[in-house]
Amino acid sequence: RKRIIQTSHDEEEGAKKDRQKLARERARLKEEKQKLQKDLEKMLAYEMKMAKMREQREAKLEEERKKEAAERRKEAERKRQLEIRKTEAMKARMKAKEEERARERAIAVKIFEK
């Protein structure tokens, strides 16, 4: 009878140790899960930060490209206007020369008629 009681007691002790071991294992796994969750959140935050920086960099480059294109258009328009002014000035000079020649011919005709 004493042996049965001892065996029963030993079984209870073994079961108690098993429960304690399982509880420790559950606690360890819970801690590990929390650590992994925290690491995952850190990685996601880092990825979001990198994505935001990349977007900002791309936006800045796009803005620079737009500015450069506007500068090129402005320069092209300035050159076009310069060419138009040169052409107009050349036409005015040619017209003045033609008028001068016409006056000289008129003077020559008057002299010739006398």
Protein backbone atom coordinates (compact mmCIF):
# COMPACT_ATOMS: atom_id res chain seq x y z
CA ARG A 1 0.00 0.00 0.00
CA LYS A 2 2.85 2.37 0.81
CA ARG A 3 4.42 1.55 -2.57
CA ILE A 4 1.19 2.47 -4.42
CA ILE A 5 1.00 5.76 -2.58
CA GLN A 6 4.68 6.43 -3.37
CA THR A 7 4.16 5.57 -7.06
CA SER A 8 1.11 7.80 -7.22
CA HIS A 9 3.07 10.58 -5.54
CA ASP A 10 5.97 10.10 -7.98
CA GLU A 11 3.56 10.27 -10.92
CA GLU A 12 2.08 13.48 -9.56
CA GLU A 13 5.56 14.93 -9.12
CA GLY A 14 6.45 13.90 -12.71
CA ALA A 15 3.24 15.43 -14.05
CA LYS A 16 3.92 18.59 -12.06
CA LYS A 17 7.47 18.80 -13.49
CA ASP A 18 6.10 18.21 -17.01
CA ARG A 19 3.56 21.03 -16.53
CA GLN A 20 6.30 23.34 -15.25
CA LYS A 21 8.52 22.41 -18.19
CA LEU A 22 5.66 23.06 -20.64
CA ALA A 23 4.89 26.39 -18.95
CA ARG A 24 8.55 27.45 -19.25
CA GLU A 25 8.58 26.37 -22.91
CA ARG A 26 5.36 28.33 -23.60
CA ALA A 27 6.83 31.41 -21.89
CA ARG A 28 10.06 31.07 -23.93
CA LEU A 29 8.09 30.70 -27.16
CA LYS A 30 5.91 33.70 -26.25
CA GLU A 31 9.03 35.80 -25.62
CA GLU A 32 10.58 34.63 -28.88
CA LYS A 33 7.36 35.47 -30.76
CA GLN A 34 7.32 38.95 -29.21
CA LYS A 35 10.97 39.49 -30.15
CA LEU A 36 10.32 38.37 -33.73
CA GLN A 37 7.26 40.64 -33.91
CA LYS A 38 9.34 43.56 -32.65
CA ASP A 39 12.10 42.79 -35.20
CA LEU A 40 9.51 42.58 -37.97
CA GLU A 41 8.05 45.95 -36.96
CA LYS A 42 11.55 47.47 -36.98
CA MET A 43 12.21 46.05 -40.45
CA LEU A 44 8.89 47.37 -41.76
CA ALA A 45 9.59 50.80 -40.31
CA TYR A 46 13.05 50.77 -41.94
CA GLU A 47 11.59 49.69 -45.30
CA MET A 48 8.96 52.44 -45.13
CA LYS A 49 11.64 55.00 -44.28
CA MET A 50 13.77 53.83 -47.22
CA ALA A 51 10.77 53.91 -49.58
CA LYS A 52 9.93 57.46 -48.45
CA MET A 53 13.54 58.58 -48.96
CA ARG A 54 13.57 56.95 -52.41
CA GLU A 55 10.33 58.74 -53.34
CA GLN A 56 11.72 62.06 -52.12
CA ARG A 57 14.92 61.52 -54.12
CA GLU A 58 12.94 60.63 -57.25
CA ALA A 59 10.67 63.66 -56.80
CA LYS A 60 13.71 65.90 -56.44
CA LEU A 61 15.27 64.45 -59.61
CA GLU A 62 12.00 64.91 -61.49
CA GLU A 63 11.84 68.53 -60.32
CA GLU A 64 15.42 69.11 -61.51
CA ARG A 65 14.60 67.55 -64.89
CA LYS A 66 11.59 69.86 -65.22
CA LYS A 67 13.72 72.91 -64.35
CA GLU A 68 16.39 71.91 -66.87
CA ALA A 69 13.76 71.38 -69.59
CA ALA A 70 12.25 74.80 -68.82
CA GLU A 71 15.73 76.38 -69.01
CA ARG A 72 16.36 74.69 -72.39
CA ARG A 73 13.01 75.95 -73.72
CA LYS A 74 13.76 79.44 -72.42
CA GLU A 75 17.23 79.42 -74.05
CA ALA A 76 15.80 78.14 -77.35
CA GLU A 77 13.16 80.92 -77.32
CA ARG A 78 15.84 83.52 -76.54
CA LYS A 79 17.96 82.31 -79.51
CA ARG A 80 14.89 82.32 -81.78
CA GLN A 81 14.07 85.91 -80.77
CA LEU A 82 17.70 86.90 -81.36
CA GLU A 83 17.57 85.40 -84.87
CA ILE A 84 14.31 87.24 -85.58
CA ARG A 85 15.87 90.56 -84.47
CA LYS A 86 18.98 89.90 -86.60
CA THR A 87 16.80 89.16 -89.63
CA GLU A 88 14.69 92.27 -89.03
CA ALA A 89 17.82 94.43 -88.67
CA MET A 90 19.28 92.98 -91.88
CA LYS A 91 16.00 93.68 -93.74
CA ALA A 92 15.98 97.25 -92.41
CA ARG A 93 19.59 97.79 -93.57
CA MET A 94 18.80 96.38 -97.01
CA LYS A 95 15.71 98.62 -97.29
CA ALA A 96 17.77 101.67 -96.24
CA LYS A 97 20.42 100.84 -98.87
CA GLU A 98 17.72 100.37 -101.49
CA GLU A 99 16.16 103.74 -100.56
CA GLU A 100 19.63 105.37 -100.70
CA ARG A 101 20.20 103.93 -104.19
CA ALA A 102 16.75 105.11 -105.29
CA ARG A 103 17.55 108.66 -104.07
CA GLU A 104 20.92 108.55 -105.83
CA ARG A 105 19.21 107.40 -109.07
CA ALA A 106 16.61 110.14 -108.75
CA ILE A 107 19.41 112.72 -108.25
CA ALA A 108 21.28 111.27 -111.21
CA VAL A 109 18.17 111.40 -113.41
CA LYS A 110 17.58 115.06 -112.44
CA ILE A 111 21.19 115.92 -113.22
CA PHE A 112 21.00 113.98 -116.50
CA GLU A 113 17.77 115.75 -117.50
CA LYS A 114 19.34 119.22 -117.06
